[in-house]
C-alpha atoms as a PDB file:
ATOM      1  CA  UNK A   1     -22.124  27.645  47.898  1.00  0.00           C
ATOM      2  CA  UNK A   2     -22.520  23.839  48.197  1.00  0.00           C
ATOM      3  CA  UNK A   3     -24.581  21.739  45.763  1.00  0.00           C
ATOM      4  CA  UNK A   4     -26.634  20.174  48.573  1.00  0.00           C
ATOM      5  CA  UNK A   5     -29.898  21.414  50.023  1.00  0.00           C
ATOM      6  CA  UNK A   6     -29.759  18.886  52.848  1.00  0.00           C
ATOM      7  CA  UNK A   7     -27.046  17.002  54.688  1.00  0.00           C
ATOM      8  CA  UNK A   8     -25.741  14.063  52.601  1.00  0.00           C
ATOM      9  CA  UNK A   9     -25.191  12.083  55.837  1.00  0.00           C
ATOM     10  CA  UNK A  10     -28.513  12.417  57.700  1.00  0.00           C
ATOM     11  CA  UNK A  11     -30.747  14.463  55.385  1.00  0.00           C
ATOM     12  CA  UNK A  12     -31.316  17.336  57.828  1.00  0.00           C
ATOM     13  CA  UNK A  13     -31.082  21.067  57.076  1.00  0.00           C
ATOM     14  CA  UNK A  14     -27.773  22.833  56.487  1.00  0.00           C
ATOM     15  CA  UNK A  15     -26.869  26.297  57.725  1.00  0.00           C
ATOM     16  CA  UNK A  16     -23.925  28.449  56.675  1.00  0.00           C
ATOM     17  CA  UNK A  17     -21.639  29.170  59.630  1.00  0.00           C
ATOM     18  CA  UNK A  18     -18.137  30.403  60.331  1.00  0.00           C
ATOM     19  CA  UNK A  19     -16.133  27.480  61.727  1.00  0.00           C
ATOM     20  CA  UNK A  20     -12.572  26.762  62.801  1.00  0.00           C
ATOM     21  CA  UNK A  21     -10.760  24.013  60.901  1.00  0.00           C
ATOM     22  CA  UNK A  22      -7.634  22.338  62.313  1.00  0.00           C
ATOM     23  CA  UNK A  23      -5.067  21.569  59.595  1.00  0.00           C
ATOM     24  CA  UNK A  24      -1.906  19.516  59.969  1.00  0.00           C
ATOM     25  CA  UNK A  25       1.112  19.412  57.694  1.00  0.00           C
ATOM     26  CA  UNK A  26       4.227  17.552  58.782  1.00  0.00           C
ATOM     27  CA  UNK A  27       4.823  18.422  62.434  1.00  0.00           C
ATOM     28  CA  UNK A  28       2.990  21.756  62.160  1.00  0.00           C
ATOM     29  CA  UNK A  29      -0.627  22.609  62.880  1.00  0.00           C
ATOM     30  CA  UNK A  30      -2.755  25.598  61.884  1.00  0.00           C
ATOM     31  CA  UNK A  31      -6.255  26.770  62.744  1.00  0.00           C
ATOM     32  CA  UNK A  32      -8.142  28.605  60.024  1.00  0.00           C
ATOM     33  CA  UNK A  33     -11.566  30.283  60.179  1.00  0.00           C
ATOM     34  CA  UNK A  34     -13.723  29.546  57.136  1.00  0.00           C
ATOM     35  CA  UNK A  35     -17.347  29.434  56.084  1.00  0.00           C
ATOM     36  CA  UNK A  36     -18.985  26.021  55.809  1.00  0.00           C
ATOM     37  CA  UNK A  37     -22.433  24.553  55.444  1.00  0.00           C
ATOM     38  CA  UNK A  38     -23.046  22.775  58.765  1.00  0.00           C
ATOM     39  CA  UNK A  39     -25.750  20.182  59.428  1.00  0.00           C
ATOM     40  CA  UNK A  40     -28.005  21.246  62.270  1.00  0.00           C
ATOM     41  CA  UNK A  41     -28.489  17.622  63.387  1.00  0.00           C
ATOM     42  CA  UNK A  42     -25.256  15.665  62.961  1.00  0.00           C
ATOM     43  CA  UNK A  43     -22.723  18.509  62.640  1.00  0.00           C
ATOM     44  CA  UNK A  44     -21.333  17.364  59.269  1.00  0.00           C
ATOM     45  CA  UNK A  45     -19.425  20.187  57.570  1.00  0.00           C
ATOM     46  CA  UNK A  46     -19.449  20.824  53.834  1.00  0.00           C
ATOM     47  CA  UNK A  47     -16.792  23.091  52.339  1.00  0.00           C
ATOM     48  CA  UNK A  48     -16.688  24.757  48.936  1.00  0.00           C
ATOM     49  CA  UNK A  49     -14.110  23.482  46.441  1.00  0.00           C
ATOM     50  CA  UNK A  50     -12.292  26.824  46.785  1.00  0.00           C
ATOM     51  CA  UNK A  51     -12.026  26.334  50.564  1.00  0.00           C
ATOM     52  CA  UNK A  52     -10.742  22.767  50.122  1.00  0.00           C
ATOM     53  CA  UNK A  53      -8.043  24.043  47.725  1.00  0.00           C
ATOM     54  CA  UNK A  54      -7.069  26.602  50.370  1.00  0.00           C
ATOM     55  CA  UNK A  55      -6.784  23.769  52.955  1.00  0.00           C
ATOM     56  CA  UNK A  56      -4.486  21.862  50.579  1.00  0.00           C
ATOM     57  CA  UNK A  57      -2.255  24.906  50.078  1.00  0.00           C
ATOM     58  CA  UNK A  58      -2.010  25.548  53.827  1.00  0.00           C
ATOM     59  CA  UNK A  59      -1.164  21.876  54.516  1.00  0.00           C
ATOM     60  CA  UNK A  60       1.547  21.967  51.845  1.00  0.00           C
ATOM     61  CA  UNK A  61       3.057  25.128  53.328  1.00  0.00           C
ATOM     62  CA  UNK A  62       2.991  23.615  56.821  1.00  0.00           C
ATOM     63  CA  UNK A  63       4.720  20.479  55.533  1.00  0.00           C
ATOM     64  CA  UNK A  64       7.444  22.574  53.863  1.00  0.00           C
ATOM     65  CA  UNK A  65       7.770  24.696  57.045  1.00  0.00           C
ATOM     66  CA  UNK A  66       6.809  27.805  55.039  1.00  0.00           C
ATOM     67  CA  UNK A  67       4.917  29.581  57.796  1.00  0.00           C
ATOM     68  CA  UNK A  68       5.723  33.206  56.889  1.00  0.00           C
ATOM     69  CA  UNK A  69       2.510  35.191  57.285  1.00  0.00           C
ATOM     70  CA  UNK A  70       1.005  32.672  59.711  1.00  0.00           C
ATOM     71  CA  UNK A  71       0.353  33.958  63.225  1.00  0.00           C
ATOM     72  CA  UNK A  72       1.944  31.985  66.091  1.00  0.00           C
ATOM     73  CA  UNK A  73      -0.685  30.698  68.507  1.00  0.00           C
ATOM     74  CA  UNK A  74       0.544  29.265  71.798  1.00  0.00           C
ATOM     75  CA  UNK A  75       2.376  25.932  71.870  1.00  0.00           C
ATOM     76  CA  UNK A  76       1.443  22.368  70.993  1.00  0.00           C
ATOM     77  CA  UNK A  77       2.222  19.311  73.097  1.00  0.00           C
ATOM     78  CA  UNK A  78       1.970  15.565  72.616  1.00  0.00           C
ATOM     79  CA  UNK A  79       0.435  13.777  75.622  1.00  0.00           C
ATOM     80  CA  UNK A  80       1.188  10.024  75.392  1.00  0.00           C
ATOM     81  CA  UNK A  81      -1.687   8.887  77.606  1.00  0.00           C
ATOM     82  CA  UNK A  82      -4.766  10.117  79.368  1.00  0.00           C
ATOM     83  CA  UNK A  83      -3.992   8.294  82.611  1.00  0.00           C
ATOM     84  CA  UNK A  84      -4.918  10.583  85.517  1.00  0.00           C
ATOM     85  CA  UNK A  85      -1.953   9.353  87.589  1.00  0.00           C
ATOM     86  CA  UNK A  86       0.440  10.301  84.770  1.00  0.00           C
ATOM     87  CA  UNK A  87      -1.023  13.820  84.525  1.00  0.00           C
ATOM     88  CA  UNK A  88      -0.720  14.844  88.176  1.00  0.00           C
ATOM     89  CA  UNK A  89       2.350  16.752  89.048  1.00  0.00           C
END
């Protein structure tokens, strides 16, 4: 899948896993499940070139607001600060 036997960041072993990737395009966000090689030490993720092309297509569709076929998933909110006093209520 990926042309690396070991992590290019820390040199540790890689393992293929199914992961969730958060993608943003314009004001829209999508979560997609894909396979990636994941470092067992530092968590670095390596994606195939095909998967990266898929990410680019999804981001472009999100930017153009072309979300037909995408499944709605809850709501998103912007929280301007993480001040505990601001969050009570």
